[in-house]
Amino acid sequence: MRTFSRTLSRRGVLGFGAGAAAAASLAGCGSPTSSDGGRHPNGSGQGRPAPGDGSGARPARPIGDGSTSFTGRQPHQPAEPEPLEPGQTPPQFVIFSWDGAGEVGNGLFPRFLDLAREHDASMTFFLSGLYLLPESKKRLYDPPNNPRGASDIGYLTDEHIKATLKNVRRAWLEGHEIGTHFNGHFCAGAGTVGNWTPQQWRSEIRQAKAFVKEWRTNTGWTDLPPLPFDYDKELVGGRTPCLLGQDNLLPVARELGWRYDASSPGGRQTWPVKKSGIWDLPLQQIPFPGRSFEVLSMDYNMLANQSVNSTKAPSHNYPGWRKQSAQAYIQGFRRAYETNRAPFFVGNHFEQWNGGIYMDAVEEAFKHIAREKEKGADVRLVSFRQFVDWMDVQKPEVLARLRTLQVGQRPAGGWKEFLREARSASGDAA
């Protein structure tokens, strides 16, 4: 049984030159609050609770069959965002996200929840709906252009579903976002998500939401606490399997009131725009130390470029590859922070590819970035939802001005001068 999401097809995995076009064929796969969920300004990070199953900290009002519940405003959210003042330097936003978000017994989900809690950070977890559906009930899934019950990522065991529920519950209570990675992760052949119509995407989303909202009915388990959120309201964005199919997804996402999509391949480290009224937040090309091309900011893309798509390469390569991967993330962060302050997006999977070096690399990079924040830099480790909250309150002319800065370009005259009187510039208006 396969339990991971592959994120790169063999097309385009050898990286990009610095001037390569963004539209390549690729595959992809806060601060403390009070006990009532109120918001506080960014602070010391002393307010997050100890890890637990989140079962009794807040009263829950069941929704539907009791798989989900309303527990009030989400804890551990940043202060209400405010527009930049004239001449103010924009923050450096960094968003770590996870595709699939299943706990399969390797301890990676709680490992990174612990890391985020230690550094008062928020992340986005793109949950695959099938990870809450028992294999015995797989025929409930009717994937577009594929046989009923089919899945290219398999199904989790009952124990792994329970572990996933526990960690998703904890994640939300600790301030993280729960998005979607949809369901069956079809990346090739006639059934690929790249060929799905808007109507088929609508069906896929409906099913992905249903598997989260009805896990209690589908499993028969009555001894586990509900998820502490209303998924109809929580779900405001996702990332498609293999980074395919965005064009036909976006009209549906807009109909559903989604606020962003993280499915674009080959993005650049510049300030984002909207597509079809939805914030387009792509994985980004970042420096790949020792190589002449850049690599997408995701663990599987590091893997594909280092070991020719093998997850069992000779172990003597691991130390060098781990260092190269960590430095790619760190250099991507530093390039943005020291120049145009474009948000930095990183994608990952809870996988032990090549001895787990990519998990070690992303942890090293995360700690490097967190130390900058803790030393006083205006670095914000947030979820995608929290980032678009900030974007939505900025003045359109300020965002247009920010979009004039190219990759690695510093603002002429410094930030105080550059944003003193922002004027309209070219670019897709917010």
Protein backbone atom coordinates (compact mmCIF):
# COMPACT_ATOMS: atom_id res chain seq x y z
CA MET A 1 0.00 0.00 0.00
CA ARG A 2 1.38 3.38 -1.00
CA THR A 3 0.90 6.13 1.55
CA PHE A 4 2.76 9.08 0.08
CA SER A 5 2.07 11.73 -2.53
CA ARG A 6 4.50 11.92 -5.40
CA THR A 7 5.08 15.48 -6.43
CA LEU A 8 7.07 15.50 -9.62
CA SER A 9 6.52 13.79 -12.92
CA ARG A 10 9.60 13.03 -14.96
CA ARG A 11 8.88 16.10 -17.06
CA GLY A 12 10.91 19.08 -16.02
CA VAL A 13 12.54 17.63 -12.91
CA LEU A 14 16.06 18.66 -13.83
CA GLY A 15 15.53 22.20 -12.63
CA PHE A 16 15.44 25.62 -14.22
CA GLY A 17 18.01 28.03 -15.46
CA ALA A 18 17.82 31.43 -13.82
CA GLY A 19 15.87 32.89 -16.72
CA ALA A 20 13.57 29.97 -17.39
CA ALA A 21 9.87 30.57 -17.89
CA ALA A 22 7.65 29.92 -14.93
CA ALA A 23 5.09 27.83 -16.78
CA ALA A 24 6.96 24.53 -16.81
CA SER A 25 5.32 21.10 -16.76
CA LEU A 26 5.88 20.05 -13.17
CA ALA A 27 4.20 17.86 -10.67
CA GLY A 28 3.85 18.54 -7.01
CA CYS A 29 2.39 17.33 -4.99
CA GLY A 30 1.53 33.48 14.98
CA SER A 31 1.41 34.61 18.31
CA PRO A 32 -0.23 33.54 21.60
CA THR A 33 -3.90 34.06 22.28
CA SER A 34 -6.10 34.05 25.31
CA SER A 35 -8.09 31.04 26.39
CA ASP A 36 -11.20 32.32 24.62
CA GLY A 37 -9.47 32.40 21.25
CA GLY A 38 -8.89 36.15 21.20
CA ARG A 39 -6.00 37.66 19.28
CA HIS A 40 -2.87 39.29 20.55
CA PRO A 41 -0.03 41.09 18.80
CA ASN A 42 3.05 39.13 17.82
CA GLY A 43 4.81 38.35 21.06
CA SER A 44 7.19 36.06 22.86
CA GLY A 45 5.61 32.76 21.89
CA GLN A 46 4.92 31.74 25.49
CA GLY A 47 1.20 31.13 25.07
CA ARG A 48 0.93 27.89 23.10
CA PRO A 49 -0.36 24.87 25.01
CA ALA A 50 1.50 21.66 25.61
CA PRO A 51 0.89 19.05 22.91
CA GLY A 52 -2.12 16.85 23.43
CA ASP A 53 -5.09 15.42 21.62
CA GLY A 54 -7.11 18.62 21.92
CA SER A 55 -10.10 16.69 23.17
CA GLY A 56 -11.29 18.73 26.12
CA ALA A 57 -9.73 22.16 26.15
CA ARG A 58 -12.69 23.94 24.49
CA PRO A 59 -16.43 23.16 24.50
CA ALA A 60 -17.57 21.76 21.18
CA ARG A 61 -20.90 22.09 19.38
CA PRO A 62 -21.21 19.07 17.05
CA ILE A 63 -21.72 19.59 13.33
CA GLY A 64 -23.45 16.94 11.23
CA ASP A 65 -22.62 13.44 12.51
CA GLY A 66 -20.20 14.86 15.08
CA SER A 67 -17.06 14.35 13.00
CA THR A 68 -16.43 18.09 13.19
CA SER A 69 -17.55 20.74 15.64
CA PHE A 70 -17.72 24.43 16.29
CA THR A 71 -15.39 25.49 19.11
CA GLY A 72 -15.24 29.23 18.59
CA ARG A 73 -12.55 31.36 17.03
CA GLN A 74 -9.32 29.54 16.24
CA PRO A 75 -6.64 29.97 18.91
CA HIS A 76 -3.16 31.38 18.36
CA GLN A 77 -3.85 33.73 15.50
CA PRO A 78 -1.84 36.92 14.82
CA ALA A 79 -3.15 40.37 15.52
CA GLU A 80 -5.55 41.78 12.94
CA PRO A 81 -3.42 42.79 9.94
CA GLU A 82 -2.96 46.43 9.06
CA PRO A 83 -1.94 48.14 5.81
CA LEU A 84 1.65 49.25 5.41
CA GLU A 85 2.30 52.85 6.31
CA PRO A 86 4.04 55.09 3.74
CA GLY A 87 7.74 54.23 3.74
CA GLN A 88 7.33 51.16 5.96
CA THR A 89 9.42 48.06 5.20
CA PRO A 90 7.19 45.05 4.43
CA PRO A 91 7.52 42.00 6.67
CA GLN A 92 9.25 38.88 5.38
CA PHE A 93 6.54 36.23 5.25
CA VAL A 94 7.56 32.56 5.19
CA ILE A 95 4.98 29.81 4.68
CA PHE A 96 5.81 26.14 5.28
CA SER A 97 3.16 23.76 3.94
CA TRP A 98 2.66 19.99 3.92
CA ASP A 99 1.01 17.93 1.18
CA GLY A 100 -1.16 15.00 2.25
CA ALA A 101 -0.74 15.65 5.99
CA GLY A 102 -1.14 12.03 7.02
CA GLU A 103 0.57 10.50 10.05
CA VAL A 104 1.74 7.03 9.01
CA GLY A 105 3.70 6.02 12.09
CA ASN A 106 6.97 7.79 11.31
CA GLY A 107 6.33 10.58 13.82
CA LEU A 108 6.89 13.38 11.33
CA PHE A 109 3.57 15.15 11.80
CA PRO A 110 4.06 15.66 15.57
CA ARG A 111 7.77 16.38 15.03
CA PHE A 112 6.99 19.46 12.97
CA LEU A 113 4.07 20.49 15.16
CA ASP A 114 6.54 20.48 18.06
CA LEU A 115 9.01 22.53 16.01
CA ALA A 116 6.36 25.10 15.10
CA ARG A 117 5.20 25.34 18.70
CA GLU A 118 8.77 25.85 19.93
CA HIS A 119 9.18 28.85 17.62
CA ASP A 120 5.64 30.26 17.80
CA ALA A 121 5.02 29.59 14.10
CA SER A 122 2.02 28.63 12.02
CA MET A 123 1.94 26.34 8.97
CA THR A 124 -0.55 25.03 6.41
CA PHE A 125 -1.47 21.35 6.24
CA PHE A 126 -3.05 20.26 2.95
CA LEU A 127 -5.03 17.23 4.12
CA SER A 128 -5.84 14.48 1.62
CA GLY A 129 -9.47 13.54 2.18
CA LEU A 130 -8.78 9.85 1.61
CA TYR A 131 -6.49 9.82 4.64
CA LEU A 132 -9.65 9.83 6.78
CA LEU A 133 -11.48 7.13 4.78
CA PRO A 134 -10.95 3.47 5.75
CA GLU A 135 -9.89 1.20 2.90
CA SER A 136 -12.92 -0.98 3.65
CA LYS A 137 -15.08 1.95 2.54
CA LYS A 138 -13.01 2.93 -0.48
CA ARG A 139 -15.92 2.47 -2.88
CA LEU A 140 -17.44 5.60 -1.37
CA TYR A 141 -14.85 7.47 -3.42
CA ASP A 142 -15.86 8.06 -7.04
CA PRO A 143 -12.81 9.76 -8.64
CA PRO A 144 -13.29 11.55 -11.96
CA ASN A 145 -12.05 9.53 -14.96
CA ASN A 146 -10.87 6.69 -12.71
CA PRO A 147 -12.47 3.49 -11.36
CA ARG A 148 -14.51 3.79 -8.18
CA GLY A 149 -12.27 3.39 -5.15
CA ALA A 150 -9.05 3.98 -7.09
CA SER A 151 -6.23 5.97 -5.50
CA ASP A 152 -2.63 6.58 -6.52
CA ILE A 153 -1.67 7.12 -2.86
CA GLY A 154 -3.49 4.13 -1.43
CA TYR A 155 -5.38 4.21 1.88
CA LEU A 156 -4.16 4.45 5.45
CA THR A 157 -4.56 1.76 8.08
CA ASP A 158 -7.11 2.35 10.80
CA GLU A 159 -4.38 3.18 13.31
CA HIS A 160 -2.85 5.70 10.94
CA ILE A 161 -6.23 7.33 10.34
CA LYS A 162 -6.62 7.71 14.10
CA ALA A 163 -3.12 9.20 14.35
CA THR A 164 -3.91 11.58 11.49
CA LEU A 165 -7.12 12.72 13.22
CA LYS A 166 -5.20 13.33 16.45
CA ASN A 167 -2.57 15.44 14.72
CA VAL A 168 -4.99 17.40 12.53
CA ARG A 169 -6.99 18.19 15.67
CA ARG A 170 -3.86 19.31 17.49
CA ALA A 171 -2.66 21.33 14.48
CA TRP A 172 -5.82 23.43 14.32
CA LEU A 173 -5.92 24.03 18.07
CA GLU A 174 -2.31 25.23 17.91
CA GLY A 175 -3.14 27.79 15.22
CA HIS A 176 -2.32 26.00 11.97
CA GLU A 177 -4.43 25.99 8.80
CA ILE A 178 -6.11 22.88 7.39
CA GLY A 179 -6.34 23.11 3.59
CA THR A 180 -6.87 20.32 1.07
CA HIS A 181 -4.71 18.14 -1.16
CA PHE A 182 -7.93 16.65 -2.59
CA ASN A 183 -8.16 12.84 -2.75
CA GLY A 184 -6.68 10.23 -5.09
CA HIS A 185 -3.61 12.11 -6.38
CA PHE A 186 -3.85 11.08 -10.02
CA CYS A 187 -0.89 12.45 -11.96
CA ALA A 188 -0.71 10.48 -15.20
CA GLY A 189 -2.74 8.67 -17.83
CA ALA A 190 -6.28 9.36 -18.92
CA GLY A 191 -7.44 9.97 -15.37
CA THR A 192 -4.91 12.66 -14.50
CA VAL A 193 -6.18 15.69 -12.61
CA GLY A 194 -4.60 17.75 -15.37
CA ASN A 195 -7.55 16.82 -17.61
CA TRP A 196 -10.39 17.32 -15.14
CA THR A 197 -13.19 19.71 -16.01
CA PRO A 198 -14.59 22.29 -13.58
CA GLN A 199 -17.54 19.97 -12.97
CA GLN A 200 -15.16 17.14 -12.07
CA TRP A 201 -13.17 19.36 -9.74
CA ARG A 202 -16.44 20.29 -8.07
CA SER A 203 -17.13 16.59 -7.45
CA GLU A 204 -13.61 15.97 -6.13
CA ILE A 205 -13.86 18.87 -3.68
CA ARG A 206 -17.30 17.81 -2.49
CA GLN A 207 -15.94 14.35 -1.75
CA ALA A 208 -12.75 15.64 -0.10
CA LYS A 209 -14.84 17.74 2.27
CA ALA A 210 -17.28 14.89 2.92
CA PHE A 211 -14.51 12.49 3.99
CA VAL A 212 -13.38 15.04 6.58
CA LYS A 213 -16.88 15.97 7.71
CA GLU A 214 -18.14 12.35 7.91
CA TRP A 215 -15.19 10.32 9.18
CA ARG A 216 -17.24 9.22 12.20
CA THR A 217 -19.96 7.71 9.99
CA ASN A 218 -17.44 6.12 7.64
CA THR A 219 -15.31 4.57 10.41
CA GLY A 220 -17.96 3.83 13.03
CA TRP A 221 -15.65 5.19 15.72
CA THR A 222 -17.48 6.93 18.54
CA ASP A 223 -14.70 7.08 21.15
CA LEU A 224 -12.60 9.78 19.45
CA PRO A 225 -13.19 13.53 19.85
CA PRO A 226 -14.40 15.51 16.83
CA LEU A 227 -12.22 17.78 14.77
CA PRO A 228 -12.56 21.23 16.38
CA PHE A 229 -13.52 23.23 13.29
CA ASP A 230 -16.24 23.71 10.70
CA TYR A 231 -14.52 22.51 7.52
CA ASP A 232 -16.90 24.40 5.26
CA LYS A 233 -15.55 27.61 6.80
CA GLU A 234 -12.00 26.47 7.48
CA LEU A 235 -11.26 25.36 3.91
CA VAL A 236 -10.16 28.39 1.85
CA GLY A 237 -7.38 26.94 -0.32
CA GLY A 238 -5.42 23.92 -1.46
CA ARG A 239 -2.68 22.47 -3.62
CA THR A 240 -3.50 20.14 -6.49
CA PRO A 241 -1.74 16.80 -6.96
CA CYS A 242 1.35 17.17 -9.15
CA LEU A 243 0.64 20.91 -9.50
CA LEU A 244 -1.73 20.06 -12.35
CA GLY A 245 -5.19 21.27 -13.32
CA GLN A 246 -5.22 24.75 -11.82
CA ASP A 247 -6.92 26.47 -14.76
CA ASN A 248 -10.10 24.42 -14.43
CA LEU A 249 -9.95 24.39 -10.65
CA LEU A 250 -9.90 28.16 -10.21
CA PRO A 251 -13.47 28.91 -11.38
CA VAL A 252 -14.75 26.33 -8.89
CA ALA A 253 -12.53 27.66 -6.12
CA ARG A 254 -13.93 31.12 -6.71
CA GLU A 255 -17.51 29.84 -6.61
CA LEU A 256 -16.76 28.18 -3.27
CA GLY A 257 -15.33 31.37 -1.81
CA TRP A 258 -11.75 30.08 -1.62
CA ARG A 259 -9.16 32.79 -1.16
CA TYR A 260 -6.00 31.29 -2.63
CA ASP A 261 -4.55 28.38 -4.57
CA ALA A 262 -1.01 27.01 -4.11
CA SER A 263 -0.89 24.85 -7.25
CA SER A 264 1.12 26.91 -9.73
CA PRO A 265 4.43 25.36 -10.86
CA GLY A 266 7.63 27.24 -11.43
CA GLY A 267 6.83 30.46 -9.61
CA ARG A 268 9.44 33.12 -9.01
CA GLN A 269 10.34 34.95 -5.81
CA THR A 270 8.25 38.03 -6.53
CA TRP A 271 5.11 39.47 -4.93
CA PRO A 272 2.03 37.44 -5.94
CA VAL A 273 -0.96 38.34 -8.07
CA LYS A 274 -4.48 37.00 -8.36
CA LYS A 275 -5.81 34.63 -11.00
CA SER A 276 -9.56 34.61 -11.56
CA GLY A 277 -9.97 36.52 -8.31
CA ILE A 278 -7.94 33.95 -6.30
CA TRP A 279 -4.48 34.61 -4.84
CA ASP A 280 -1.96 32.56 -6.85
CA LEU A 281 0.73 31.35 -4.41
CA PRO A 282 3.14 29.07 -6.29
CA LEU A 283 6.11 26.99 -5.31
CA GLN A 284 9.13 29.07 -6.25
CA GLN A 285 12.42 28.69 -8.08
CA ILE A 286 15.23 29.07 -5.55
CA PRO A 287 19.04 28.76 -5.75
CA PHE A 288 20.37 25.19 -5.84
CA PRO A 289 23.91 25.35 -4.39
CA GLY A 290 26.57 23.96 -6.69
CA ARG A 291 24.28 23.81 -9.71
CA SER A 292 23.71 26.21 -12.59
CA PHE A 293 19.91 25.95 -12.43
CA GLU A 294 17.32 26.68 -9.77
CA VAL A 295 15.02 24.17 -8.08
CA LEU A 296 11.43 24.39 -6.91
CA SER A 297 11.00 24.99 -3.20
CA MET A 298 9.75 21.49 -2.31
CA ASP A 299 11.42 18.41 -0.85
CA TYR A 300 10.49 16.08 -3.72
CA ASN A 301 12.06 18.43 -6.23
CA MET A 302 15.31 18.28 -4.26
CA LEU A 303 15.06 14.49 -4.31
CA ALA A 304 14.39 14.31 -8.05
CA ASN A 305 17.37 16.47 -8.89
CA GLN A 306 19.78 14.72 -6.52
CA SER A 307 19.03 11.03 -6.98
CA VAL A 308 17.30 10.81 -10.35
CA ASN A 309 13.92 10.12 -8.80
CA SER A 310 15.21 7.29 -6.59
CA THR A 311 14.30 7.24 -2.92
CA LYS A 312 17.01 4.65 -2.12
CA ALA A 313 20.21 6.21 -3.41
CA PRO A 314 23.63 5.27 -1.92
CA SER A 315 23.74 6.53 1.65
CA HIS A 316 27.21 8.05 1.30
CA ASN A 317 25.53 10.85 -0.69
CA TYR A 318 23.10 11.74 2.09
CA PRO A 319 25.18 14.26 4.11
CA GLY A 320 26.01 16.33 1.02
CA TRP A 321 22.47 16.23 -0.28
CA ARG A 322 21.03 17.20 3.09
CA LYS A 323 23.36 20.20 3.25
CA GLN A 324 22.57 21.18 -0.33
CA SER A 325 18.81 21.01 0.31
CA ALA A 326 18.98 22.99 3.55
CA GLN A 327 21.14 25.65 1.90
CA ALA A 328 18.71 25.91 -1.02
CA TYR A 329 15.91 26.87 1.37
CA ILE A 330 18.18 29.18 3.38
CA GLN A 331 19.48 30.93 0.27
CA GLY A 332 15.94 31.32 -1.04
CA PHE A 333 14.91 32.92 2.22
CA ARG A 334 17.95 35.23 2.37
CA ARG A 335 17.52 36.34 -1.23
CA ALA A 336 13.98 37.51 -0.50
CA TYR A 337 14.70 38.94 2.94
CA GLU A 338 17.69 40.98 1.79
CA THR A 339 16.09 42.28 -1.41
CA ASN A 340 12.43 42.48 -2.46
CA ARG A 341 10.85 40.87 0.63
CA ALA A 342 8.68 38.65 -1.56
CA PRO A 343 6.92 35.94 0.48
CA PHE A 344 8.79 32.64 0.60
CA PHE A 345 6.76 29.45 0.04
CA VAL A 346 8.07 25.97 0.95
CA GLY A 347 6.28 22.66 0.29
CA ASN A 348 6.98 19.30 1.95
CA HIS A 349 5.76 15.77 2.63
CA PHE A 350 5.92 13.65 5.76
CA GLU A 351 8.31 11.20 4.10
CA GLN A 352 11.68 9.58 4.89
CA TRP A 353 13.07 9.71 1.35
CA ASN A 354 16.81 9.07 1.18
CA GLY A 355 17.10 8.33 4.86
CA GLY A 356 14.97 11.29 5.94
CA ILE A 357 17.51 13.89 4.84
CA TYR A 358 14.83 16.22 3.43
CA MET A 359 13.04 16.36 6.76
CA ASP A 360 16.34 17.20 8.45
CA ALA A 361 17.05 19.81 5.79
CA VAL A 362 13.72 21.57 6.15
CA GLU A 363 14.07 21.54 9.94
CA GLU A 364 17.52 23.10 9.66
CA ALA A 365 16.19 25.80 7.33
CA PHE A 366 13.16 26.41 9.54
CA LYS A 367 15.36 26.90 12.60
CA HIS A 368 17.65 29.26 10.67
CA ILE A 369 14.66 31.40 9.66
CA ALA A 370 13.14 31.27 13.14
CA ARG A 371 16.41 32.48 14.67
CA GLU A 372 16.25 35.56 12.45
CA LYS A 373 12.77 36.28 13.82
CA GLU A 374 13.89 35.69 17.37
CA LYS A 375 16.82 38.09 16.92
CA GLY A 376 14.32 40.84 16.12
CA ALA A 377 13.91 40.65 12.35
CA ASP A 378 10.38 41.24 11.06
CA VAL A 379 10.04 37.65 9.85
CA ARG A 380 6.62 36.05 10.10
CA LEU A 381 6.23 32.26 9.97
CA VAL A 382 2.56 32.01 9.03
CA SER A 383 -0.02 29.91 7.21
CA PHE A 384 -1.25 30.69 3.72
CA ARG A 385 -4.54 31.84 5.19
CA GLN A 386 -2.80 34.27 7.54
CA PHE A 387 -0.68 35.57 4.67
CA VAL A 388 -3.68 36.37 2.45
CA ASP A 389 -5.35 38.03 5.44
CA TRP A 390 -2.43 40.48 5.35
CA MET A 391 -2.47 40.84 1.56
CA ASP A 392 -6.18 41.60 1.51
CA VAL A 393 -5.83 44.72 3.69
CA GLN A 394 -2.97 46.25 1.69
CA LYS A 395 -3.60 49.16 -0.64
CA PRO A 396 -3.66 48.08 -4.30
CA GLU A 397 -1.14 50.77 -5.26
CA VAL A 398 1.29 49.48 -2.62
CA LEU A 399 1.01 45.91 -3.89
CA ALA A 400 1.46 47.13 -7.46
CA ARG A 401 4.61 48.95 -6.41
CA LEU A 402 5.96 45.83 -4.67
CA ARG A 403 5.34 43.78 -7.81
CA THR A 404 7.73 45.98 -9.78
CA LEU A 405 10.63 44.44 -7.83
CA GLN A 406 12.13 41.48 -9.63
CA VAL A 407 13.84 38.43 -8.09
CA GLY A 408 16.75 39.60 -5.95
CA GLN A 409 16.08 43.30 -6.66
CA ARG A 410 16.45 45.76 -3.81
CA PRO A 411 14.13 48.79 -3.68
CA ALA A 412 15.78 51.86 -5.18
CA GLY A 413 16.67 54.32 -2.45
CA GLY A 414 15.67 51.87 0.29
CA TRP A 415 12.22 50.95 1.56
CA LYS A 416 11.52 54.31 3.16
CA GLU A 417 11.88 56.04 -0.18
CA PHE A 418 10.46 53.24 -2.32
CA LEU A 419 7.12 53.04 -0.52
CA ARG A 420 6.88 56.67 0.59
CA GLU A 421 4.29 57.45 -2.02
CA ALA A 422 3.37 54.25 -3.79
CA ARG A 423 1.80 54.86 -7.17
CA SER A 424 -0.08 52.54 -9.44
CA ALA A 425 2.14 50.14 -11.34
CA SER A 426 1.59 47.38 -13.85
CA GLY A 427 0.37 44.04 -12.58
CA ASP A 428 -2.83 42.21 -11.71
CA ALA A 429 -4.61 44.40 -9.19
CA ALA A 430 -5.72 42.90 -5.91
